[in-house]
Each structure stands twice: as structure tokens, then as C-alpha cells.
Amino acid sequence: MKLKNILLVVNDIEKSVEFYKNLFGLRVILDQDGNVIMSEGLVLQDAKIWKQFIKQDLLPENNMTELYFEESDIEGFVKKLEESEYDIKYVNTLMEHSWGQKVVRFYDLDGNLIEVGTPV
């Protein structure tokens, strides 16, 4: 068995696709009306469709999962974030752990938690 994808629930597929393209360089592999498969194993699912599947309310910013990206030029990435058109809600601004790794954590447009760190 192997893990194929990570699915994130989003309210606006088009805006979320642009977010992940612009900030992370991901590209669309397949667009299936409310379900977009992007490179690196990320899938975006329309919130209306997802709610029909689970028959429950959605809980953005639940801090129970996190997408993790690595970036050697973390300062450049943080500058890109700050200069972007997006209103970024930070969990923590750029910080350095005791083991020397620098990280920044923030939410995407729909409250999905993202961490970007320097390679370990």
C-alpha cells in the first residue's frame, strides 16, 4: 500500500489553485469539477461536495493536520508571502528551533495549516 494524495477542503477551488500555484509552484494535473489534483500529491476538494460526503460541519483552523514544505531560501519565501496578494494568518512568524531549523507556520485561504521549513 502507498499514500497517493493529501486532500484539502476549500471553499473556492479557483482561488486555492492560484494560491498553491503562486506561493508553492504546484501545478494542476487534473481538474474534475470540484476536485483538482495538483503536483506533489495535493488534492483540493470543493467544500460543498465534501460536506455532502461527511454530513458534518467543517472545522477550519483545527490544527489537527499540517502540510509541510521545505525551502532552502526561507527568508525569500517569507518575503514572497508578505508581498503576496493574500491576507496571511500566521500561527508563528519565521522562527528558529533549537536544532537550527527555521520554520514559518500559517493558514491557507480556508484555514488549512501549512508549515514551511528549511531542510533538515
PDB file of N, CA and C in Angstrom:
ATOM      1  N   MET A   1       0.840  -1.169   0.000  1.00  0.00           N
ATOM      2  CA  MET A   1       0.000   0.000   0.000  1.00  0.00           C
ATOM      3  C   MET A   1       0.889   1.236   0.000  1.00  0.00           C
ATOM      4  N   LYS A   2       0.445   2.314  -0.674  1.00  0.00           N
ATOM      5  CA  LYS A   2       1.186   3.565  -0.626  1.00  0.00           C
ATOM      6  C   LYS A   2       0.225   4.737  -0.583  1.00  0.00           C
ATOM      7  N   LEU A   3       0.641   5.777   0.091  1.00  0.00           N
ATOM      8  CA  LEU A   3      -0.149   7.003   0.173  1.00  0.00           C
ATOM      9  C   LEU A   3      -0.070   7.714  -1.166  1.00  0.00           C
ATOM     10  N   LYS A   4      -1.211   8.045  -1.747  1.00  0.00           N
ATOM     11  CA  LYS A   4      -1.245   8.659  -3.066  1.00  0.00           C
ATOM     12  C   LYS A   4      -1.429  10.175  -3.009  1.00  0.00           C
ATOM     13  N   ASN A   5      -2.307  10.655  -2.144  1.00  0.00           N
ATOM     14  CA  ASN A   5      -2.628  12.075  -2.132  1.00  0.00           C
ATOM     15  C   ASN A   5      -2.993  12.540  -0.734  1.00  0.00           C
ATOM     16  N   ILE A   6      -2.937  13.857  -0.554  1.00  0.00           N
ATOM     17  CA  ILE A   6      -3.470  14.521   0.624  1.00  0.00           C
ATOM     18  C   ILE A   6      -4.570  15.447   0.117  1.00  0.00           C
ATOM     19  N   LEU A   7      -5.755  15.359   0.695  1.00  0.00           N
ATOM     20  CA  LEU A   7      -6.896  16.145   0.250  1.00  0.00           C
ATOM     21  C   LEU A   7      -7.161  17.283   1.227  1.00  0.00           C
ATOM     22  N   LEU A   8      -7.310  18.485   0.677  1.00  0.00           N
ATOM     23  CA  LEU A   8      -7.712  19.647   1.466  1.00  0.00           C
ATOM     24  C   LEU A   8      -9.065  20.123   0.977  1.00  0.00           C
ATOM     25  N   VAL A   9      -9.911  20.473   1.912  1.00  0.00           N
ATOM     26  CA  VAL A   9     -11.233  21.004   1.598  1.00  0.00           C
ATOM     27  C   VAL A   9     -11.119  22.515   1.493  1.00  0.00           C
ATOM     28  N   VAL A  10     -11.652  23.072   0.405  1.00  0.00           N
ATOM     29  CA  VAL A  10     -11.551  24.506   0.145  1.00  0.00           C
ATOM     30  C   VAL A  10     -12.894  25.067  -0.300  1.00  0.00           C
ATOM     31  N   ASN A  11     -13.096  26.337  -0.039  1.00  0.00           N
ATOM     32  CA  ASN A  11     -14.353  26.993  -0.402  1.00  0.00           C
ATOM     33  C   ASN A  11     -14.376  27.504  -1.834  1.00  0.00           C
ATOM     34  N   ASP A  12     -13.230  27.858  -2.373  1.00  0.00           N
ATOM     35  CA  ASP A  12     -13.153  28.388  -3.735  1.00  0.00           C
ATOM     36  C   ASP A  12     -11.974  27.713  -4.437  1.00  0.00           C
ATOM     37  N   ILE A  13     -12.280  26.732  -5.254  1.00  0.00           N
ATOM     38  CA  ILE A  13     -11.247  25.942  -5.933  1.00  0.00           C
ATOM     39  C   ILE A  13     -10.296  26.838  -6.723  1.00  0.00           C
ATOM     40  N   GLU A  14     -10.842  27.763  -7.516  1.00  0.00           N
ATOM     41  CA  GLU A  14     -10.003  28.593  -8.381  1.00  0.00           C
ATOM     42  C   GLU A  14      -9.018  29.432  -7.567  1.00  0.00           C
ATOM     43  N   LYS A  15      -9.492  30.062  -6.507  1.00  0.00           N
ATOM     44  CA  LYS A  15      -8.608  30.870  -5.657  1.00  0.00           C
ATOM     45  C   LYS A  15      -7.547  29.997  -4.983  1.00  0.00           C
ATOM     46  N   SER A  16      -7.942  28.817  -4.534  1.00  0.00           N
ATOM     47  CA  SER A  16      -6.997  27.922  -3.868  1.00  0.00           C
ATOM     48  C   SER A  16      -5.955  27.384  -4.842  1.00  0.00           C
ATOM     49  N   VAL A  17      -6.369  27.065  -6.061  1.00  0.00           N
ATOM     50  CA  VAL A  17      -5.414  26.618  -7.080  1.00  0.00           C
ATOM     51  C   VAL A  17      -4.379  27.716  -7.309  1.00  0.00           C
ATOM     52  N   GLU A  18      -4.817  28.951  -7.454  1.00  0.00           N
ATOM     53  CA  GLU A  18      -3.893  30.067  -7.667  1.00  0.00           C
ATOM     54  C   GLU A  18      -2.969  30.254  -6.461  1.00  0.00           C
ATOM     55  N   PHE A  19      -3.496  30.115  -5.246  1.00  0.00           N
ATOM     56  CA  PHE A  19      -2.704  30.222  -4.027  1.00  0.00           C
ATOM     57  C   PHE A  19      -1.546  29.228  -4.048  1.00  0.00           C
ATOM     58  N   TYR A  20      -1.857  27.962  -4.321  1.00  0.00           N
ATOM     59  CA  TYR A  20      -0.823  26.926  -4.303  1.00  0.00           C
ATOM     60  C   TYR A  20       0.109  27.017  -5.512  1.00  0.00           C
ATOM     61  N   LYS A  21      -0.380  27.518  -6.631  1.00  0.00           N
ATOM     62  CA  LYS A  21       0.491  27.770  -7.791  1.00  0.00           C
ATOM     63  C   LYS A  21       1.451  28.919  -7.481  1.00  0.00           C
ATOM     64  N   ASN A  22       0.906  30.050  -7.046  1.00  0.00           N
ATOM     65  CA  ASN A  22       1.692  31.263  -6.852  1.00  0.00           C
ATOM     66  C   ASN A  22       2.724  31.144  -5.736  1.00  0.00           C
ATOM     67  N   LEU A  23       2.338  30.568  -4.615  1.00  0.00           N
ATOM     68  CA  LEU A  23       3.243  30.515  -3.468  1.00  0.00           C
ATOM     69  C   LEU A  23       4.149  29.291  -3.443  1.00  0.00           C
ATOM     70  N   PHE A  24       3.677  28.168  -3.965  1.00  0.00           N
ATOM     71  CA  PHE A  24       4.426  26.917  -3.830  1.00  0.00           C
ATOM     72  C   PHE A  24       4.884  26.320  -5.159  1.00  0.00           C
ATOM     73  N   GLY A  25       4.462  26.915  -6.260  1.00  0.00           N
ATOM     74  CA  GLY A  25       4.877  26.412  -7.564  1.00  0.00           C
ATOM     75  C   GLY A  25       4.230  25.103  -7.978  1.00  0.00           C
ATOM     76  N   LEU A  26       3.113  24.731  -7.332  1.00  0.00           N
ATOM     77  CA  LEU A  26       2.424  23.498  -7.713  1.00  0.00           C
ATOM     78  C   LEU A  26       1.693  23.730  -9.035  1.00  0.00           C
ATOM     79  N   ARG A  27       1.397  22.667  -9.732  1.00  0.00           N
ATOM     80  CA  ARG A  27       0.671  22.776 -10.990  1.00  0.00           C
ATOM     81  C   ARG A  27      -0.518  21.815 -10.989  1.00  0.00           C
ATOM     82  N   VAL A  28      -1.506  22.144 -11.785  1.00  0.00           N
ATOM     83  CA  VAL A  28      -2.701  21.304 -11.904  1.00  0.00           C
ATOM     84  C   VAL A  28      -2.389  20.118 -12.802  1.00  0.00           C
ATOM     85  N   ILE A  29      -2.702  18.934 -12.300  1.00  0.00           N
ATOM     86  CA  ILE A  29      -2.535  17.703 -13.076  1.00  0.00           C
ATOM     87  C   ILE A  29      -3.870  17.304 -13.689  1.00  0.00           C
ATOM     88  N   LEU A  30      -4.940  17.412 -12.890  1.00  0.00           N
ATOM     89  CA  LEU A  30      -6.268  17.020 -13.363  1.00  0.00           C
ATOM     90  C   LEU A  30      -7.314  17.868 -12.664  1.00  0.00           C
ATOM     91  N   ASP A  31      -8.243  18.412 -13.435  1.00  0.00           N
ATOM     92  CA  ASP A  31      -9.331  19.228 -12.894  1.00  0.00           C
ATOM     93  C   ASP A  31     -10.638  18.501 -13.174  1.00  0.00           C
ATOM     94  N   GLN A  32     -11.290  18.023 -12.117  1.00  0.00           N
ATOM     95  CA  GLN A  32     -12.518  17.246 -12.244  1.00  0.00           C
ATOM     96  C   GLN A  32     -13.656  17.926 -11.498  1.00  0.00           C
ATOM     97  N   ASP A  33     -14.193  18.983 -12.028  1.00  0.00           N
ATOM     98  CA  ASP A  33     -15.377  19.651 -11.489  1.00  0.00           C
ATOM     99  C   ASP A  33     -15.518  19.524  -9.970  1.00  0.00           C
ATOM    100  N   GLY A  34     -14.830  20.384  -9.247  1.00  0.00           N
ATOM    101  CA  GLY A  34     -14.903  20.382  -7.791  1.00  0.00           C
ATOM    102  C   GLY A  34     -13.845  19.548  -7.106  1.00  0.00           C
ATOM    103  N   ASN A  35     -12.954  18.959  -7.893  1.00  0.00           N
ATOM    104  CA  ASN A  35     -11.874  18.140  -7.368  1.00  0.00           C
ATOM    105  C   ASN A  35     -10.655  18.356  -8.263  1.00  0.00           C
ATOM    106  N   VAL A  36      -9.620  18.998  -7.728  1.00  0.00           N
ATOM    107  CA  VAL A  36      -8.435  19.318  -8.521  1.00  0.00           C
ATOM    108  C   VAL A  36      -7.230  18.591  -7.934  1.00  0.00           C
ATOM    109  N   ILE A  37      -6.577  17.799  -8.776  1.00  0.00           N
ATOM    110  CA  ILE A  37      -5.347  17.121  -8.372  1.00  0.00           C
ATOM    111  C   ILE A  37      -4.186  17.986  -8.824  1.00  0.00           C
ATOM    112  N   MET A  38      -3.324  18.319  -7.864  1.00  0.00           N
ATOM    113  CA  MET A  38      -2.160  19.141  -8.150  1.00  0.00           C
ATOM    114  C   MET A  38      -0.887  18.307  -7.977  1.00  0.00           C
ATOM    115  N   SER A  39       0.219  18.858  -8.426  1.00  0.00           N
ATOM    116  CA  SER A  39       1.501  18.169  -8.277  1.00  0.00           C
ATOM    117  C   SER A  39       1.837  18.022  -6.795  1.00  0.00           C
ATOM    118  N   GLU A  40       2.792  17.177  -6.510  1.00  0.00           N
ATOM    119  CA  GLU A  40       3.256  16.889  -5.151  1.00  0.00           C
ATOM    120  C   GLU A  40       2.204  16.169  -4.304  1.00  0.00           C
ATOM    121  N   GLY A  41       1.149  15.639  -4.932  1.00  0.00           N
ATOM    122  CA  GLY A  41       0.170  14.837  -4.201  1.00  0.00           C
ATOM    123  C   GLY A  41      -0.914  15.613  -3.489  1.00  0.00           C
ATOM    124  N   LEU A  42      -1.086  16.894  -3.823  1.00  0.00           N
ATOM    125  CA  LEU A  42      -2.123  17.694  -3.181  1.00  0.00           C
ATOM    126  C   LEU A  42      -3.403  17.656  -4.002  1.00  0.00           C
ATOM    127  N   VAL A  43      -4.520  17.391  -3.333  1.00  0.00           N
ATOM    128  CA  VAL A  43      -5.834  17.412  -3.968  1.00  0.00           C
ATOM    129  C   VAL A  43      -6.685  18.453  -3.259  1.00  0.00           C
ATOM    130  N   LEU A  44      -7.359  19.290  -4.044  1.00  0.00           N
ATOM    131  CA  LEU A  44      -8.283  20.285  -3.499  1.00  0.00           C
ATOM    132  C   LEU A  44      -9.704  19.825  -3.792  1.00  0.00           C
ATOM    133  N   GLN A  45     -10.532  19.794  -2.765  1.00  0.00           N
ATOM    134  CA  GLN A  45     -11.923  19.334  -2.883  1.00  0.00           C
ATOM    135  C   GLN A  45     -12.849  20.471  -2.502  1.00  0.00           C
ATOM    136  N   ASP A  46     -13.863  20.729  -3.328  1.00  0.00           N
ATOM    137  CA  ASP A  46     -14.850  21.761  -3.046  1.00  0.00           C
ATOM    138  C   ASP A  46     -15.583  21.438  -1.744  1.00  0.00           C
ATOM    139  N   ALA A  47     -15.700  22.428  -0.869  1.00  0.00           N
ATOM    140  CA  ALA A  47     -16.312  22.235   0.452  1.00  0.00           C
ATOM    141  C   ALA A  47     -17.753  21.739   0.360  1.00  0.00           C
ATOM    142  N   LYS A  48     -18.511  22.209  -0.618  1.00  0.00           N
ATOM    143  CA  LYS A  48     -19.914  21.773  -0.752  1.00  0.00           C
ATOM    144  C   LYS A  48     -19.988  20.274  -1.034  1.00  0.00           C
ATOM    145  N   ILE A  49     -19.116  19.800  -1.885  1.00  0.00           N
ATOM    146  CA  ILE A  49     -19.085  18.369  -2.207  1.00  0.00           C
ATOM    147  C   ILE A  49     -18.657  17.566  -0.979  1.00  0.00           C
ATOM    148  N   TRP A  50     -17.624  18.041  -0.284  1.00  0.00           N
ATOM    149  CA  TRP A  50     -17.102  17.341   0.891  1.00  0.00           C
ATOM    150  C   TRP A  50     -18.163  17.229   1.980  1.00  0.00           C
ATOM    151  N   LYS A  51     -18.910  18.318   2.201  1.00  0.00           N
ATOM    152  CA  LYS A  51     -19.965  18.289   3.232  1.00  0.00           C
ATOM    153  C   LYS A  51     -21.039  17.254   2.903  1.00  0.00           C
ATOM    154  N   GLN A  52     -21.304  17.041   1.621  1.00  0.00           N
ATOM    155  CA  GLN A  52     -22.273  16.013   1.234  1.00  0.00           C
ATOM    156  C   GLN A  52     -21.764  14.623   1.604  1.00  0.00           C
ATOM    157  N   PHE A  53     -20.450  14.415   1.488  1.00  0.00           N
ATOM    158  CA  PHE A  53     -19.861  13.121   1.832  1.00  0.00           C
ATOM    159  C   PHE A  53     -19.898  12.861   3.329  1.00  0.00           C
ATOM    160  N   ILE A  54     -19.458  13.843   4.107  1.00  0.00           N
ATOM    161  CA  ILE A  54     -19.286  13.591   5.537  1.00  0.00           C
ATOM    162  C   ILE A  54     -20.510  13.940   6.377  1.00  0.00           C
ATOM    163  N   LYS A  55     -21.416  14.736   5.810  1.00  0.00           N
ATOM    164  CA  LYS A  55     -22.655  15.116   6.506  1.00  0.00           C
ATOM    165  C   LYS A  55     -22.386  15.727   7.886  1.00  0.00           C
ATOM    166  N   GLN A  56     -21.348  16.578   7.941  1.00  0.00           N
ATOM    167  CA  GLN A  56     -20.969  17.280   9.165  1.00  0.00           C
ATOM    168  C   GLN A  56     -20.494  18.681   8.806  1.00  0.00           C
ATOM    169  N   ASP A  57     -20.440  19.543   9.802  1.00  0.00           N
ATOM    170  CA  ASP A  57     -19.868  20.859   9.597  1.00  0.00           C
ATOM    171  C   ASP A  57     -18.359  20.749   9.456  1.00  0.00           C
ATOM    172  N   LEU A  58     -17.779  21.685   8.719  1.00  0.00           N
ATOM    173  CA  LEU A  58     -16.338  21.730   8.542  1.00  0.00           C
ATOM    174  C   LEU A  58     -15.702  22.541   9.665  1.00  0.00           C
ATOM    175  N   LEU A  59     -14.486  22.203  10.036  1.00  0.00           N
ATOM    176  CA  LEU A  59     -13.792  22.863  11.135  1.00  0.00           C
ATOM    177  C   LEU A  59     -12.462  23.448  10.674  1.00  0.00           C
ATOM    178  N   PRO A  60     -12.480  24.635  10.048  1.00  0.00           N
ATOM    179  CA  PRO A  60     -11.215  25.236   9.639  1.00  0.00           C
ATOM    180  C   PRO A  60     -10.367  25.626  10.848  1.00  0.00           C
ATOM    181  N   GLU A  61      -9.068  25.747  10.616  1.00  0.00           N
ATOM    182  CA  GLU A  61      -8.109  26.108  11.656  1.00  0.00           C
ATOM    183  C   GLU A  61      -8.171  25.160  12.850  1.00  0.00           C
ATOM    184  N   ASN A  62      -8.353  23.869  12.573  1.00  0.00           N
ATOM    185  CA  ASN A  62      -8.473  22.900  13.668  1.00  0.00           C
ATOM    186  C   ASN A  62      -7.124  22.440  14.197  1.00  0.00           C
ATOM    187  N   ASN A  63      -6.031  22.758  13.521  1.00  0.00           N
ATOM    188  CA  ASN A  63      -4.676  22.434  13.982  1.00  0.00           C
ATOM    189  C   ASN A  63      -4.419  20.942  14.176  1.00  0.00           C
ATOM    190  N   MET A  64      -5.202  20.107  13.530  1.00  0.00           N
ATOM    191  CA  MET A  64      -5.023  18.665  13.683  1.00  0.00           C
ATOM    192  C   MET A  64      -4.165  18.060  12.566  1.00  0.00           C
ATOM    193  N   THR A  65      -3.982  18.802  11.483  1.00  0.00           N
ATOM    194  CA  THR A  65      -3.143  18.348  10.384  1.00  0.00           C
ATOM    195  C   THR A  65      -2.323  19.531   9.876  1.00  0.00           C
ATOM    196  N   GLU A  66      -1.297  19.214   9.112  1.00  0.00           N
ATOM    197  CA  GLU A  66      -0.434  20.271   8.597  1.00  0.00           C
ATOM    198  C   GLU A  66       0.206  19.806   7.296  1.00  0.00           C
ATOM    199  N   LEU A  67       0.245  20.686   6.318  1.00  0.00           N
ATOM    200  CA  LEU A  67       1.053  20.437   5.134  1.00  0.00           C
ATOM    201  C   LEU A  67       2.451  20.940   5.447  1.00  0.00           C
ATOM    202  N   TYR A  68       3.459  20.169   5.096  1.00  0.00           N
ATOM    203  CA  TYR A  68       4.833  20.560   5.389  1.00  0.00           C
ATOM    204  C   TYR A  68       5.614  20.664   4.083  1.00  0.00           C
ATOM    205  N   PHE A  69       6.214  21.817   3.865  1.00  0.00           N
ATOM    206  CA  PHE A  69       7.061  22.064   2.705  1.00  0.00           C
ATOM    207  C   PHE A  69       8.454  22.415   3.206  1.00  0.00           C
ATOM    208  N   GLU A  70       9.461  22.093   2.405  1.00  0.00           N
ATOM    209  CA  GLU A  70      10.820  22.527   2.719  1.00  0.00           C
ATOM    210  C   GLU A  70      11.281  23.531   1.674  1.00  0.00           C
ATOM    211  N   GLU A  71      12.021  24.537   2.158  1.00  0.00           N
ATOM    212  CA  GLU A  71      12.516  25.606   1.291  1.00  0.00           C
ATOM    213  C   GLU A  71      13.865  26.072   1.809  1.00  0.00           C
ATOM    214  N   SER A  72      14.888  25.986   0.979  1.00  0.00           N
ATOM    215  CA  SER A  72      16.228  26.420   1.388  1.00  0.00           C
ATOM    216  C   SER A  72      16.286  27.921   1.630  1.00  0.00           C
ATOM    217  N   ASP A  73      15.635  28.700   0.759  1.00  0.00           N
ATOM    218  CA  ASP A  73      15.621  30.156   0.893  1.00  0.00           C
ATOM    219  C   ASP A  73      14.382  30.581   1.670  1.00  0.00           C
ATOM    220  N   ILE A  74      14.351  30.269   2.960  1.00  0.00           N
ATOM    221  CA  ILE A  74      13.164  30.532   3.779  1.00  0.00           C
ATOM    222  C   ILE A  74      12.885  32.031   3.907  1.00  0.00           C
ATOM    223  N   GLU A  75      13.943  32.841   4.007  1.00  0.00           N
ATOM    224  CA  GLU A  75      13.736  34.285   4.098  1.00  0.00           C
ATOM    225  C   GLU A  75      13.093  34.814   2.816  1.00  0.00           C
ATOM    226  N   GLY A  76      13.529  34.302   1.669  1.00  0.00           N
ATOM    227  CA  GLY A  76      12.931  34.684   0.389  1.00  0.00           C
ATOM    228  C   GLY A  76      11.483  34.262   0.305  1.00  0.00           C
ATOM    229  N   PHE A  77      11.176  33.070   0.826  1.00  0.00           N
ATOM    230  CA  PHE A  77       9.788  32.612   0.817  1.00  0.00           C
ATOM    231  C   PHE A  77       8.919  33.498   1.710  1.00  0.00           C
ATOM    232  N   VAL A  78       9.406  33.851   2.896  1.00  0.00           N
ATOM    233  CA  VAL A  78       8.639  34.713   3.807  1.00  0.00           C
ATOM    234  C   VAL A  78       8.397  36.078   3.151  1.00  0.00           C
ATOM    235  N   LYS A  79       9.389  36.590   2.463  1.00  0.00           N
ATOM    236  CA  LYS A  79       9.213  37.859   1.738  1.00  0.00           C
ATOM    237  C   LYS A  79       8.131  37.708   0.670  1.00  0.00           C
ATOM    238  N   LYS A  80       8.150  36.594  -0.043  1.00  0.00           N
ATOM    239  CA  LYS A  80       7.127  36.300  -1.056  1.00  0.00           C
ATOM    240  C   LYS A  80       5.736  36.265  -0.421  1.00  0.00           C
ATOM    241  N   LEU A  81       5.630  35.627   0.750  1.00  0.00           N
ATOM    242  CA  LEU A  81       4.358  35.588   1.484  1.00  0.00           C
ATOM    243  C   LEU A  81       3.880  37.000   1.813  1.00  0.00           C
ATOM    244  N   GLU A  82       4.784  37.776   2.381  1.00  0.00           N
ATOM    245  CA  GLU A  82       4.421  39.114   2.831  1.00  0.00           C
ATOM    246  C   GLU A  82       4.076  40.045   1.680  1.00  0.00           C
ATOM    247  N   GLU A  83       4.662  39.823   0.521  1.00  0.00           N
ATOM    248  CA  GLU A  83       4.394  40.669  -0.643  1.00  0.00           C
ATOM    249  C   GLU A  83       3.259  40.131  -1.510  1.00  0.00           C
ATOM    250  N   SER A  84       2.715  38.987  -1.135  1.00  0.00           N
ATOM    251  CA  SER A  84       1.653  38.372  -1.938  1.00  0.00           C
ATOM    252  C   SER A  84       0.341  39.133  -1.749  1.00  0.00           C
ATOM    253  N   GLU A  85      -0.593  38.821  -2.608  1.00  0.00           N
ATOM    254  CA  GLU A  85      -1.923  39.432  -2.536  1.00  0.00           C
ATOM    255  C   GLU A  85      -2.790  38.818  -1.436  1.00  0.00           C
ATOM    256  N   TYR A  86      -2.297  37.787  -0.795  1.00  0.00           N
ATOM    257  CA  TYR A  86      -3.091  37.039   0.178  1.00  0.00           C
ATOM    258  C   TYR A  86      -2.947  37.626   1.579  1.00  0.00           C
ATOM    259  N   ASP A  87      -4.042  37.600   2.310  1.00  0.00           N
ATOM    260  CA  ASP A  87      -4.048  38.033   3.706  1.00  0.00           C
ATOM    261  C   ASP A  87      -3.644  36.826   4.548  1.00  0.00           C
ATOM    262  N   ILE A  88      -2.366  36.720   4.830  1.00  0.00           N
ATOM    263  CA  ILE A  88      -1.815  35.532   5.508  1.00  0.00           C
ATOM    264  C   ILE A  88      -2.060  35.630   7.011  1.00  0.00           C
ATOM    265  N   LYS A  89      -2.663  34.577   7.571  1.00  0.00           N
ATOM    266  CA  LYS A  89      -2.846  34.483   9.015  1.00  0.00           C
ATOM    267  C   LYS A  89      -1.775  33.531   9.557  1.00  0.00           C
ATOM    268  N   TYR A  90      -0.833  34.091  10.289  1.00  0.00           N
ATOM    269  CA  TYR A  90       0.294  33.316  10.808  1.00  0.00           C
ATOM    270  C   TYR A  90      -0.058  32.603  12.112  1.00  0.00           C
ATOM    271  N   VAL A  91       0.453  31.392  12.261  1.00  0.00           N
ATOM    272  CA  VAL A  91       0.457  30.695  13.537  1.00  0.00           C
ATOM    273  C   VAL A  91       1.731  31.108  14.265  1.00  0.00           C
ATOM    274  N   ASN A  92       2.834  31.107  13.527  1.00  0.00           N
ATOM    275  CA  ASN A  92       4.071  31.720  14.016  1.00  0.00           C
ATOM    276  C   ASN A  92       4.827  32.293  12.831  1.00  0.00           C
ATOM    277  N   THR A  93       5.401  33.468  13.030  1.00  0.00           N
ATOM    278  CA  THR A  93       6.252  34.056  12.011  1.00  0.00           C
ATOM    279  C   THR A  93       7.564  33.281  11.995  1.00  0.00           C
ATOM    280  N   LEU A  94       8.452  33.664  11.119  1.00  0.00           N
ATOM    281  CA  LEU A  94       9.711  32.937  10.971  1.00  0.00           C
ATOM    282  C   LEU A  94      10.422  32.820  12.315  1.00  0.00           C
ATOM    283  N   MET A  95      10.767  31.592  12.671  1.00  0.00           N
ATOM    284  CA  MET A  95      11.447  31.309  13.934  1.00  0.00           C
ATOM    285  C   MET A  95      12.502  30.247  13.690  1.00  0.00           C
ATOM    286  N   GLU A  96      13.382  30.075  14.651  1.00  0.00           N
ATOM    287  CA  GLU A  96      14.399  29.040  14.546  1.00  0.00           C
ATOM    288  C   GLU A  96      14.298  28.110  15.740  1.00  0.00           C
ATOM    289  N   HIS A  97      14.182  26.803  15.452  1.00  0.00           N
ATOM    290  CA  HIS A  97      14.145  25.799  16.520  1.00  0.00           C
ATOM    291  C   HIS A  97      15.544  25.625  17.118  1.00  0.00           C
ATOM    292  N   SER A  98      15.602  25.008  18.289  1.00  0.00           N
ATOM    293  CA  SER A  98      16.876  24.800  18.978  1.00  0.00           C
ATOM    294  C   SER A  98      17.849  23.949  18.155  1.00  0.00           C
ATOM    295  N   TRP A  99      17.338  23.121  17.236  1.00  0.00           N
ATOM    296  CA  TRP A  99      18.203  22.280  16.408  1.00  0.00           C
ATOM    297  C   TRP A  99      18.638  22.990  15.120  1.00  0.00           C
ATOM    298  N   GLY A 100      18.263  24.274  14.971  1.00  0.00           N
ATOM    299  CA  GLY A 100      18.755  25.079  13.857  1.00  0.00           C
ATOM    300  C   GLY A 100      17.831  25.209  12.666  1.00  0.00           C
ATOM    301  N   GLN A 101      16.721  24.480  12.647  1.00  0.00           N
ATOM    302  CA  GLN A 101      15.795  24.582  11.526  1.00  0.00           C
ATOM    303  C   GLN A 101      14.943  25.835  11.676  1.00  0.00           C
ATOM    304  N   LYS A 102      14.814  26.585  10.577  1.00  0.00           N
ATOM    305  CA  LYS A 102      13.941  27.754  10.548  1.00  0.00           C
ATOM    306  C   LYS A 102      12.600  27.342   9.960  1.00  0.00           C
ATOM    307  N   VAL A 103      11.506  27.836  10.569  1.00  0.00           N
ATOM    308  CA  VAL A 103      10.158  27.488  10.107  1.00  0.00           C
ATOM    309  C   VAL A 103       9.227  28.689  10.221  1.00  0.00           C
ATOM    310  N   VAL A 104       8.189  28.648   9.389  1.00  0.00           N
ATOM    311  CA  VAL A 104       7.080  29.595   9.471  1.00  0.00           C
ATOM    312  C   VAL A 104       5.811  28.769   9.315  1.00  0.00           C
ATOM    313  N   ARG A 105       4.792  29.100  10.106  1.00  0.00           N
ATOM    314  CA  ARG A 105       3.509  28.381  10.021  1.00  0.00           C
ATOM    315  C   ARG A 105       2.394  29.387   9.805  1.00  0.00           C
ATOM    316  N   PHE A 106       1.465  29.007   8.937  1.00  0.00           N
ATOM    317  CA  PHE A 106       0.350  29.895   8.607  1.00  0.00           C
ATOM    318  C   PHE A 106      -0.787  29.062   8.024  1.00  0.00           C
ATOM    319  N   TYR A 107      -1.939  29.702   7.867  1.00  0.00           N
ATOM    320  CA  TYR A 107      -3.101  29.030   7.294  1.00  0.00           C
ATOM    321  C   TYR A 107      -3.260  29.404   5.826  1.00  0.00           C
ATOM    322  N   ASP A 108      -3.764  28.475   5.047  1.00  0.00           N
ATOM    323  CA  ASP A 108      -4.117  28.803   3.673  1.00  0.00           C
ATOM    324  C   ASP A 108      -5.438  29.569   3.694  1.00  0.00           C
ATOM    325  N   LEU A 109      -6.017  29.799   2.543  1.00  0.00           N
ATOM    326  CA  LEU A 109      -7.226  30.615   2.436  1.00  0.00           C
ATOM    327  C   LEU A 109      -8.421  30.034   3.185  1.00  0.00           C
ATOM    328  N   ASP A 110      -8.376  28.729   3.469  1.00  0.00           N
ATOM    329  CA  ASP A 110      -9.509  28.052   4.093  1.00  0.00           C
ATOM    330  C   ASP A 110      -9.211  27.496   5.478  1.00  0.00           C
ATOM    331  N   GLY A 111      -8.115  27.931   6.075  1.00  0.00           N
ATOM    332  CA  GLY A 111      -7.811  27.504   7.433  1.00  0.00           C
ATOM    333  C   GLY A 111      -7.091  26.176   7.528  1.00  0.00           C
ATOM    334  N   ASN A 112      -6.462  25.730   6.432  1.00  0.00           N
ATOM    335  CA  ASN A 112      -5.631  24.526   6.462  1.00  0.00           C
ATOM    336  C   ASN A 112      -4.224  24.955   6.855  1.00  0.00           C
ATOM    337  N   LEU A 113      -3.658  24.301   7.843  1.00  0.00           N
ATOM    338  CA  LEU A 113      -2.366  24.684   8.393  1.00  0.00           C
ATOM    339  C   LEU A 113      -1.207  24.261   7.490  1.00  0.00           C
ATOM    340  N   ILE A 114      -0.268  25.187   7.289  1.00  0.00           N
ATOM    341  CA  ILE A 114       0.901  24.945   6.453  1.00  0.00           C
ATOM    342  C   ILE A 114       2.148  25.316   7.256  1.00  0.00           C
ATOM    343  N   GLU A 115       3.173  24.479   7.131  1.00  0.00           N
ATOM    344  CA  GLU A 115       4.489  24.802   7.690  1.00  0.00           C
ATOM    345  C   GLU A 115       5.484  24.765   6.539  1.00  0.00           C
ATOM    346  N   VAL A 116       6.349  25.772   6.501  1.00  0.00           N
ATOM    347  CA  VAL A 116       7.459  25.775   5.570  1.00  0.00           C
ATOM    348  C   VAL A 116       8.724  25.883   6.406  1.00  0.00           C
ATOM    349  N   GLY A 117       9.633  24.946   6.181  1.00  0.00           N
ATOM    350  CA  GLY A 117      10.867  24.924   6.957  1.00  0.00           C
ATOM    351  C   GLY A 117      12.083  24.706   6.085  1.00  0.00           C
ATOM    352  N   THR A 118      13.230  25.042   6.633  1.00  0.00           N
ATOM    353  CA  THR A 118      14.473  24.752   5.926  1.00  0.00           C
ATOM    354  C   THR A 118      14.723  23.255   5.995  1.00  0.00           C
ATOM    355  N   PRO A 119      15.414  22.710   5.004  1.00  0.00           N
ATOM    356  CA  PRO A 119      15.698  21.261   5.010  1.00  0.00           C
ATOM    357  C   PRO A 119      16.439  20.843   6.273  1.00  0.00           C
ATOM    358  N   VAL A 120      16.102  19.663   6.774  1.00  0.00           N
ATOM    359  CA  VAL A 120      16.762  19.127   7.965  1.00  0.00           C
ATOM    360  C   VAL A 120      17.748  18.052   7.588  1.00  0.00           C
TER     361      VAL A 120
END
